[in-house]
Amino acid sequence: MKIIKPVLLTLWRIWFYVLLGVPIIVLSPVLIITILSPKTYPQFFLLARLWARIILFGMGFCTKITREQEMEKGKSYMLVANHTSMADIMLMLLVSRNPFVFVGKKELAKIPIFGFFYKRTSILVDRNNSKSRFEVFQRAQKRLNEGLSICIFPEGGVPDDESIVLDEFKDGAFRLAIEHQIPIVPMVFPDNKKRFSYTFLSGSPGVMRARVLPFISTDGLTLDDKKELKDKTRQVIYANLVKLLKK
């Protein structure tokens, strides 16, 4: 009987990658058309949200999204959340109705099928390369000027130690938000580590909550305020994360 659970978890994990790839293959003719021009990116984003919904539903995750403040249509924001799972990408796509682009690690571009579109629609960063980090700011500024929002998981990656509730934040998201005077949208994903962590033989179907917290204004801030803004955002996310983890 002990072998049944690992076998089922393995099949469930394989099913995730099937769900990740098959919709992309089916939709690929339309997806390719929508990534050819910045003008059609909003259409690509709608398809990406559909793809995310298919994956989360197909994995048995029931999403519950609570919004303490709503994003205005046509306005740019800096979206930030805790990062513990591959499912964070899909949940973020469902949470935000405003089109945005991810800033993420270049390693994800190596995933078959998914990586083809990921590297053409996201801003990839090599965190070990200072030139790459500088280019991220240039590309992010371009996307913000096009009226899009940006999503950055400010921990800079998923901690290897799963006992860490919330890792320290990097500066990038807060520097960009200040430079463009756009609001920070802090979010909390309390269930993703439990539901679908990076530990292969773990997880289970169930409720996957997301809470959008009150926005943090950057109006009038300068880069001298970057650390204070970063610390304030982390404190807000940490406090709400701890609270929700107890429920």
C-alpha atoms as a PDB file:
ATOM      1  CA  MET A   1       0.000   0.000   0.000  1.00  0.00           C
ATOM      2  CA  LYS A   2       2.912   2.368   0.707  1.00  0.00           C
ATOM      3  CA  ILE A   3       3.857   2.396  -2.963  1.00  0.00           C
ATOM      4  CA  ILE A   4       0.422   3.571  -4.131  1.00  0.00           C
ATOM      5  CA  LYS A   5       0.792   7.168  -2.932  1.00  0.00           C
ATOM      6  CA  PRO A   6       4.180   7.803  -4.617  1.00  0.00           C
ATOM      7  CA  VAL A   7       2.863   6.285  -7.852  1.00  0.00           C
ATOM      8  CA  LEU A   8      -0.250   8.473  -7.783  1.00  0.00           C
ATOM      9  CA  LEU A   9       1.797  11.576  -6.997  1.00  0.00           C
ATOM     10  CA  THR A  10       4.153  10.787  -9.860  1.00  0.00           C
ATOM     11  CA  LEU A  11       1.258  10.387 -12.303  1.00  0.00           C
ATOM     12  CA  TRP A  12      -0.294  13.599 -10.978  1.00  0.00           C
ATOM     13  CA  ARG A  13       2.955  15.500 -11.529  1.00  0.00           C
ATOM     14  CA  ILE A  14       3.272  14.106 -15.054  1.00  0.00           C
ATOM     15  CA  TRP A  15      -0.331  15.174 -15.682  1.00  0.00           C
ATOM     16  CA  PHE A  16       0.681  18.736 -14.781  1.00  0.00           C
ATOM     17  CA  TYR A  17       3.182  18.841 -17.643  1.00  0.00           C
ATOM     18  CA  VAL A  18       0.597  17.342 -19.995  1.00  0.00           C
ATOM     19  CA  LEU A  19      -1.805  20.128 -19.037  1.00  0.00           C
ATOM     20  CA  LEU A  20       0.991  22.653 -19.406  1.00  0.00           C
ATOM     21  CA  GLY A  21       1.894  21.563 -22.937  1.00  0.00           C
ATOM     22  CA  VAL A  22      -1.230  20.312 -24.708  1.00  0.00           C
ATOM     23  CA  PRO A  23      -3.252  23.585 -24.619  1.00  0.00           C
ATOM     24  CA  ILE A  24      -0.197  25.450 -25.922  1.00  0.00           C
ATOM     25  CA  ILE A  25       0.126  23.013 -28.824  1.00  0.00           C
ATOM     26  CA  VAL A  26      -3.575  23.301 -29.640  1.00  0.00           C
ATOM     27  CA  LEU A  27      -3.563  27.096 -29.430  1.00  0.00           C
ATOM     28  CA  SER A  28      -0.101  27.578 -30.960  1.00  0.00           C
ATOM     29  CA  PRO A  29      -1.265  29.008 -34.351  1.00  0.00           C
ATOM     30  CA  VAL A  30      -3.200  31.757 -32.568  1.00  0.00           C
ATOM     31  CA  LEU A  31      -0.535  32.240 -29.907  1.00  0.00           C
ATOM     32  CA  ILE A  32       2.173  32.763 -32.520  1.00  0.00           C
ATOM     33  CA  ILE A  33       0.076  35.443 -34.232  1.00  0.00           C
ATOM     34  CA  THR A  34      -0.549  37.273 -30.956  1.00  0.00           C
ATOM     35  CA  ILE A  35       3.147  37.489 -30.006  1.00  0.00           C
ATOM     36  CA  LEU A  36       4.229  39.037 -33.310  1.00  0.00           C
ATOM     37  CA  SER A  37       3.358  42.577 -32.253  1.00  0.00           C
ATOM     38  CA  PRO A  38       3.074  44.502 -28.961  1.00  0.00           C
ATOM     39  CA  LYS A  39      -0.380  45.615 -30.139  1.00  0.00           C
ATOM     40  CA  THR A  40      -1.702  42.052 -29.963  1.00  0.00           C
ATOM     41  CA  TYR A  41      -0.159  41.224 -26.574  1.00  0.00           C
ATOM     42  CA  PRO A  42      -3.491  41.817 -24.746  1.00  0.00           C
ATOM     43  CA  GLN A  43      -4.989  39.026 -26.892  1.00  0.00           C
ATOM     44  CA  PHE A  44      -2.077  36.762 -26.003  1.00  0.00           C
ATOM     45  CA  PHE A  45      -2.655  37.598 -22.340  1.00  0.00           C
ATOM     46  CA  LEU A  46      -6.307  36.510 -22.572  1.00  0.00           C
ATOM     47  CA  LEU A  47      -5.210  33.164 -23.996  1.00  0.00           C
ATOM     48  CA  ALA A  48      -2.575  32.852 -21.264  1.00  0.00           C
ATOM     49  CA  ARG A  49      -5.290  33.332 -18.632  1.00  0.00           C
ATOM     50  CA  LEU A  50      -7.364  30.592 -20.283  1.00  0.00           C
ATOM     51  CA  TRP A  51      -4.311  28.322 -20.275  1.00  0.00           C
ATOM     52  CA  ALA A  52      -3.742  29.012 -16.569  1.00  0.00           C
ATOM     53  CA  ARG A  53      -7.365  28.245 -15.753  1.00  0.00           C
ATOM     54  CA  ILE A  54      -7.183  24.921 -17.626  1.00  0.00           C
ATOM     55  CA  ILE A  55      -4.073  23.861 -15.699  1.00  0.00           C
ATOM     56  CA  LEU A  56      -5.329  24.792 -12.240  1.00  0.00           C
ATOM     57  CA  PHE A  57      -8.763  23.240 -12.820  1.00  0.00           C
ATOM     58  CA  GLY A  58      -7.226  20.146 -14.412  1.00  0.00           C
ATOM     59  CA  MET A  59      -4.937  19.647 -11.409  1.00  0.00           C
ATOM     60  CA  GLY A  60      -7.892  19.784  -9.044  1.00  0.00           C
ATOM     61  CA  PHE A  61      -7.135  23.216  -7.612  1.00  0.00           C
ATOM     62  CA  CYS A  62     -10.130  25.345  -6.650  1.00  0.00           C
ATOM     63  CA  THR A  63      -9.046  28.991  -6.674  1.00  0.00           C
ATOM     64  CA  LYS A  64     -10.400  31.484  -4.176  1.00  0.00           C
ATOM     65  CA  ILE A  65      -9.366  35.073  -4.948  1.00  0.00           C
ATOM     66  CA  THR A  66      -9.995  37.922  -2.507  1.00  0.00           C
ATOM     67  CA  ARG A  67      -9.361  41.512  -3.585  1.00  0.00           C
ATOM     68  CA  GLU A  68      -9.063  44.294  -1.010  1.00  0.00           C
ATOM     69  CA  GLN A  69      -8.513  46.779  -3.833  1.00  0.00           C
ATOM     70  CA  GLU A  70      -9.238  46.585  -7.556  1.00  0.00           C
ATOM     71  CA  MET A  71      -6.814  47.448 -10.332  1.00  0.00           C
ATOM     72  CA  GLU A  72      -7.982  50.107 -12.771  1.00  0.00           C
ATOM     73  CA  LYS A  73      -8.298  49.098 -16.401  1.00  0.00           C
ATOM     74  CA  GLY A  74      -5.527  50.545 -18.576  1.00  0.00           C
ATOM     75  CA  LYS A  75      -3.265  51.435 -15.657  1.00  0.00           C
ATOM     76  CA  SER A  76       0.202  49.972 -15.041  1.00  0.00           C
ATOM     77  CA  TYR A  77       1.161  48.317 -11.760  1.00  0.00           C
ATOM     78  CA  MET A  78       4.020  46.410 -10.189  1.00  0.00           C
ATOM     79  CA  LEU A  79       2.650  43.014  -9.114  1.00  0.00           C
ATOM     80  CA  VAL A  80       4.543  41.217  -6.338  1.00  0.00           C
ATOM     81  CA  ALA A  81       3.822  38.068  -4.329  1.00  0.00           C
ATOM     82  CA  ASN A  82       5.523  35.338  -2.323  1.00  0.00           C
ATOM     83  CA  HIS A  83       7.011  32.600  -4.512  1.00  0.00           C
ATOM     84  CA  THR A  84       6.901  28.914  -3.584  1.00  0.00           C
ATOM     85  CA  SER A  85       5.543  26.998  -6.564  1.00  0.00           C
ATOM     86  CA  MET A  86       5.403  26.644 -10.350  1.00  0.00           C
ATOM     87  CA  ALA A  87       1.663  27.208  -9.893  1.00  0.00           C
ATOM     88  CA  ASP A  88       2.384  30.808  -8.806  1.00  0.00           C
ATOM     89  CA  ILE A  89       2.597  31.716 -12.506  1.00  0.00           C
ATOM     90  CA  MET A  90      -0.861  30.346 -13.259  1.00  0.00           C
ATOM     91  CA  LEU A  91      -2.452  31.842 -10.157  1.00  0.00           C
ATOM     92  CA  MET A  92      -0.968  35.268 -10.902  1.00  0.00           C
ATOM     93  CA  LEU A  93      -2.457  35.123 -14.407  1.00  0.00           C
ATOM     94  CA  LEU A  94      -5.904  34.503 -12.920  1.00  0.00           C
ATOM     95  CA  VAL A  95      -5.589  37.210 -10.278  1.00  0.00           C
ATOM     96  CA  SER A  96      -4.695  40.082 -12.620  1.00  0.00           C
ATOM     97  CA  ARG A  97      -7.156  41.096 -15.314  1.00  0.00           C
ATOM     98  CA  ASN A  98      -4.703  43.807 -16.414  1.00  0.00           C
ATOM     99  CA  PRO A  99      -2.206  42.525 -18.988  1.00  0.00           C
ATOM    100  CA  PHE A 100       1.278  42.159 -17.531  1.00  0.00           C
ATOM    101  CA  VAL A 101       4.623  40.561 -18.323  1.00  0.00           C
ATOM    102  CA  PHE A 102       6.667  38.379 -16.006  1.00  0.00           C
ATOM    103  CA  VAL A 103      10.249  39.078 -15.063  1.00  0.00           C
ATOM    104  CA  GLY A 104      11.608  35.601 -14.421  1.00  0.00           C
ATOM    105  CA  LYS A 105      14.617  33.343 -14.451  1.00  0.00           C
ATOM    106  CA  LYS A 106      15.948  32.299 -17.836  1.00  0.00           C
ATOM    107  CA  GLU A 107      15.991  28.605 -16.853  1.00  0.00           C
ATOM    108  CA  LEU A 108      12.221  28.366 -17.411  1.00  0.00           C
ATOM    109  CA  ALA A 109      12.797  29.023 -21.107  1.00  0.00           C
ATOM    110  CA  LYS A 110      14.308  25.521 -21.317  1.00  0.00           C
ATOM    111  CA  ILE A 111      10.960  23.836 -20.595  1.00  0.00           C
ATOM    112  CA  PRO A 112       9.772  22.258 -23.869  1.00  0.00           C
ATOM    113  CA  ILE A 113       6.853  24.016 -25.612  1.00  0.00           C
ATOM    114  CA  PHE A 114       6.177  26.376 -22.680  1.00  0.00           C
ATOM    115  CA  GLY A 115       9.666  27.847 -22.982  1.00  0.00           C
ATOM    116  CA  PHE A 116       9.162  28.864 -26.614  1.00  0.00           C
ATOM    117  CA  PHE A 117       6.431  31.334 -25.682  1.00  0.00           C
ATOM    118  CA  TYR A 118       7.813  32.184 -22.241  1.00  0.00           C
ATOM    119  CA  LYS A 119      11.059  33.611 -23.597  1.00  0.00           C
ATOM    120  CA  ARG A 120       9.202  35.631 -26.250  1.00  0.00           C
ATOM    121  CA  THR A 121       6.668  37.200 -23.910  1.00  0.00           C
ATOM    122  CA  SER A 122       8.521  37.498 -20.595  1.00  0.00           C
ATOM    123  CA  ILE A 123      11.609  39.402 -19.506  1.00  0.00           C
ATOM    124  CA  LEU A 124      14.292  36.849 -18.736  1.00  0.00           C
ATOM    125  CA  VAL A 125      17.055  37.483 -16.249  1.00  0.00           C
ATOM    126  CA  ASP A 126      20.313  35.717 -15.489  1.00  0.00           C
ATOM    127  CA  ARG A 127      20.772  36.645 -11.854  1.00  0.00           C
ATOM    128  CA  ASN A 128      24.470  35.762 -12.015  1.00  0.00           C
ATOM    129  CA  ASN A 129      25.086  38.262 -14.806  1.00  0.00           C
ATOM    130  CA  SER A 130      25.130  41.995 -14.006  1.00  0.00           C
ATOM    131  CA  LYS A 131      24.677  42.912 -17.686  1.00  0.00           C
ATOM    132  CA  SER A 132      21.543  40.753 -17.847  1.00  0.00           C
ATOM    133  CA  ARG A 133      20.135  42.463 -14.759  1.00  0.00           C
ATOM    134  CA  PHE A 134      20.693  45.884 -16.358  1.00  0.00           C
ATOM    135  CA  GLU A 135      18.989  44.779 -19.583  1.00  0.00           C
ATOM    136  CA  VAL A 136      15.964  43.699 -17.544  1.00  0.00           C
ATOM    137  CA  PHE A 137      15.392  47.306 -16.491  1.00  0.00           C
ATOM    138  CA  GLN A 138      15.587  48.503 -20.086  1.00  0.00           C
ATOM    139  CA  ARG A 139      13.093  45.917 -21.311  1.00  0.00           C
ATOM    140  CA  ALA A 140      10.764  46.467 -18.351  1.00  0.00           C
ATOM    141  CA  GLN A 141      10.751  50.210 -18.988  1.00  0.00           C
ATOM    142  CA  LYS A 142       9.789  49.550 -22.599  1.00  0.00           C
ATOM    143  CA  ARG A 143       6.867  47.327 -21.556  1.00  0.00           C
ATOM    144  CA  LEU A 144       5.670  49.837 -18.980  1.00  0.00           C
ATOM    145  CA  ASN A 145       5.760  52.544 -21.651  1.00  0.00           C
ATOM    146  CA  GLU A 146       3.476  50.305 -23.723  1.00  0.00           C
ATOM    147  CA  GLY A 147       0.910  50.460 -20.911  1.00  0.00           C
ATOM    148  CA  LEU A 148       1.492  46.980 -19.478  1.00  0.00           C
ATOM    149  CA  SER A 149       2.086  45.989 -15.874  1.00  0.00           C
ATOM    150  CA  ILE A 150       5.082  44.052 -14.595  1.00  0.00           C
ATOM    151  CA  CYS A 151       5.114  41.011 -12.314  1.00  0.00           C
ATOM    152  CA  ILE A 152       8.209  40.231 -10.272  1.00  0.00           C
ATOM    153  CA  PHE A 153       8.483  37.666  -7.486  1.00  0.00           C
ATOM    154  CA  PRO A 154      10.826  39.772  -5.331  1.00  0.00           C
ATOM    155  CA  GLU A 155      12.386  36.879  -3.411  1.00  0.00           C
ATOM    156  CA  GLY A 156      14.360  36.266  -6.592  1.00  0.00           C
ATOM    157  CA  GLY A 157      13.563  32.553  -6.669  1.00  0.00           C
ATOM    158  CA  VAL A 158      12.129  29.762  -4.566  1.00  0.00           C
ATOM    159  CA  PRO A 159      14.146  29.024  -1.405  1.00  0.00           C
ATOM    160  CA  ASP A 160      15.584  25.492  -1.229  1.00  0.00           C
ATOM    161  CA  ASP A 161      14.581  25.418   2.422  1.00  0.00           C
ATOM    162  CA  GLU A 162      10.795  25.006   2.398  1.00  0.00           C
ATOM    163  CA  SER A 163      10.594  25.985   6.076  1.00  0.00           C
ATOM    164  CA  ILE A 164      11.290  29.609   5.061  1.00  0.00           C
ATOM    165  CA  VAL A 165       7.956  31.461   5.094  1.00  0.00           C
ATOM    166  CA  LEU A 166       9.179  34.471   3.109  1.00  0.00           C
ATOM    167  CA  ASP A 167      12.736  35.046   1.899  1.00  0.00           C
ATOM    168  CA  GLU A 168      14.443  38.426   1.732  1.00  0.00           C
ATOM    169  CA  PHE A 169      13.397  40.693  -1.160  1.00  0.00           C
ATOM    170  CA  LYS A 170      15.604  41.903  -4.010  1.00  0.00           C
ATOM    171  CA  ASP A 171      15.587  45.554  -5.084  1.00  0.00           C
ATOM    172  CA  GLY A 172      14.497  45.311  -8.737  1.00  0.00           C
ATOM    173  CA  ALA A 173      10.713  45.543  -8.434  1.00  0.00           C
ATOM    174  CA  PHE A 174      10.897  48.546  -6.133  1.00  0.00           C
ATOM    175  CA  ARG A 175      13.418  50.426  -8.197  1.00  0.00           C
ATOM    176  CA  LEU A 176      11.233  50.047 -11.297  1.00  0.00           C
ATOM    177  CA  ALA A 177       8.082  51.026  -9.411  1.00  0.00           C
ATOM    178  CA  ILE A 178       9.708  54.196  -8.106  1.00  0.00           C
ATOM    179  CA  GLU A 179      11.274  55.134 -11.435  1.00  0.00           C
ATOM    180  CA  HIS A 180       7.889  54.848 -13.168  1.00  0.00           C
ATOM    181  CA  GLN A 181       5.815  56.050 -10.207  1.00  0.00           C
ATOM    182  CA  ILE A 182       3.475  53.057 -10.432  1.00  0.00           C
ATOM    183  CA  PRO A 183       1.692  51.458  -7.453  1.00  0.00           C
ATOM    184  CA  ILE A 184       2.918  48.250  -5.854  1.00  0.00           C
ATOM    185  CA  VAL A 185       0.234  45.542  -5.757  1.00  0.00           C
ATOM    186  CA  PRO A 186       1.202  43.140  -2.943  1.00  0.00           C
ATOM    187  CA  MET A 187      -0.374  39.685  -3.069  1.00  0.00           C
ATOM    188  CA  VAL A 188      -0.322  36.619  -0.871  1.00  0.00           C
ATOM    189  CA  PHE A 189      -0.461  33.005  -2.125  1.00  0.00           C
ATOM    190  CA  PRO A 190      -0.711  31.007   1.139  1.00  0.00           C
ATOM    191  CA  ASP A 191      -1.543  27.553  -0.231  1.00  0.00           C
ATOM    192  CA  ASN A 192       0.720  27.026  -3.239  1.00  0.00           C
ATOM    193  CA  LYS A 193       3.611  25.507  -1.275  1.00  0.00           C
ATOM    194  CA  LYS A 194       1.262  22.998   0.333  1.00  0.00           C
ATOM    195  CA  ARG A 195      -0.608  22.249  -2.884  1.00  0.00           C
ATOM    196  CA  PHE A 196       2.242  22.116  -5.400  1.00  0.00           C
ATOM    197  CA  SER A 197       5.748  22.750  -4.104  1.00  0.00           C
ATOM    198  CA  TYR A 198       8.940  21.996  -6.033  1.00  0.00           C
ATOM    199  CA  THR A 199       9.343  18.776  -4.013  1.00  0.00           C
ATOM    200  CA  PHE A 200       8.308  16.180  -6.572  1.00  0.00           C
ATOM    201  CA  LEU A 201       6.475  13.654  -4.392  1.00  0.00           C
ATOM    202  CA  SER A 202       4.300  16.182  -2.575  1.00  0.00           C
ATOM    203  CA  GLY A 203       1.125  18.192  -2.933  1.00  0.00           C
ATOM    204  CA  SER A 204      -2.573  17.530  -3.328  1.00  0.00           C
ATOM    205  CA  PRO A 205      -5.682  18.953  -5.029  1.00  0.00           C
ATOM    206  CA  GLY A 206      -7.674  21.459  -3.001  1.00  0.00           C
ATOM    207  CA  VAL A 207      -8.303  25.140  -2.407  1.00  0.00           C
ATOM    208  CA  MET A 208      -5.666  27.577  -3.653  1.00  0.00           C
ATOM    209  CA  ARG A 209      -6.183  31.036  -2.177  1.00  0.00           C
ATOM    210  CA  ALA A 210      -4.905  34.381  -3.386  1.00  0.00           C
ATOM    211  CA  ARG A 211      -5.378  37.697  -1.601  1.00  0.00           C
ATOM    212  CA  VAL A 212      -4.738  41.069  -3.228  1.00  0.00           C
ATOM    213  CA  LEU A 213      -3.755  43.516  -0.495  1.00  0.00           C
ATOM    214  CA  PRO A 214      -4.203  47.315  -0.511  1.00  0.00           C
ATOM    215  CA  PHE A 215      -1.857  48.951  -2.988  1.00  0.00           C
ATOM    216  CA  ILE A 216       1.286  50.770  -1.893  1.00  0.00           C
ATOM    217  CA  SER A 217       1.769  54.142  -3.579  1.00  0.00           C
ATOM    218  CA  THR A 218       5.112  55.277  -4.957  1.00  0.00           C
ATOM    219  CA  ASP A 219       3.975  58.837  -5.716  1.00  0.00           C
ATOM    220  CA  GLY A 220       6.751  61.284  -4.931  1.00  0.00           C
ATOM    221  CA  LEU A 221       9.231  58.600  -3.866  1.00  0.00           C
ATOM    222  CA  THR A 222      12.826  58.624  -5.073  1.00  0.00           C
ATOM    223  CA  LEU A 223      15.418  55.871  -5.254  1.00  0.00           C
ATOM    224  CA  ASP A 224      16.557  56.950  -1.795  1.00  0.00           C
ATOM    225  CA  ASP A 225      13.253  55.498  -0.555  1.00  0.00           C
ATOM    226  CA  LYS A 226      13.806  52.124  -2.244  1.00  0.00           C
ATOM    227  CA  LYS A 227      14.847  50.190   0.857  1.00  0.00           C
ATOM    228  CA  GLU A 228      11.998  51.577   2.952  1.00  0.00           C
ATOM    229  CA  LEU A 229       9.495  50.683   0.202  1.00  0.00           C
ATOM    230  CA  LYS A 230      10.960  47.186  -0.120  1.00  0.00           C
ATOM    231  CA  ASP A 231      10.853  46.588   3.640  1.00  0.00           C
ATOM    232  CA  LYS A 232       7.304  47.938   3.928  1.00  0.00           C
ATOM    233  CA  THR A 233       6.066  45.673   1.129  1.00  0.00           C
ATOM    234  CA  ARG A 234       7.751  42.621   2.617  1.00  0.00           C
ATOM    235  CA  GLN A 235       6.308  43.330   6.060  1.00  0.00           C
ATOM    236  CA  VAL A 236       2.789  43.615   4.636  1.00  0.00           C
ATOM    237  CA  ILE A 237       3.090  40.375   2.665  1.00  0.00           C
ATOM    238  CA  TYR A 238       4.717  38.515   5.557  1.00  0.00           C
ATOM    239  CA  ALA A 239       2.083  39.575   8.108  1.00  0.00           C
ATOM    240  CA  ASN A 240      -0.797  38.532   5.874  1.00  0.00           C
ATOM    241  CA  LEU A 241       0.915  35.312   4.835  1.00  0.00           C
ATOM    242  CA  VAL A 242       1.413  34.241   8.449  1.00  0.00           C
ATOM    243  CA  LYS A 243      -2.202  35.119   9.230  1.00  0.00           C
ATOM    244  CA  LEU A 244      -3.600  33.122   6.317  1.00  0.00           C
ATOM    245  CA  LEU A 245      -1.360  30.124   6.975  1.00  0.00           C
ATOM    246  CA  LYS A 246      -3.048  29.765  10.374  1.00  0.00           C
ATOM    247  CA  LYS A 247      -6.513  29.468   8.813  1.00  0.00           C
END
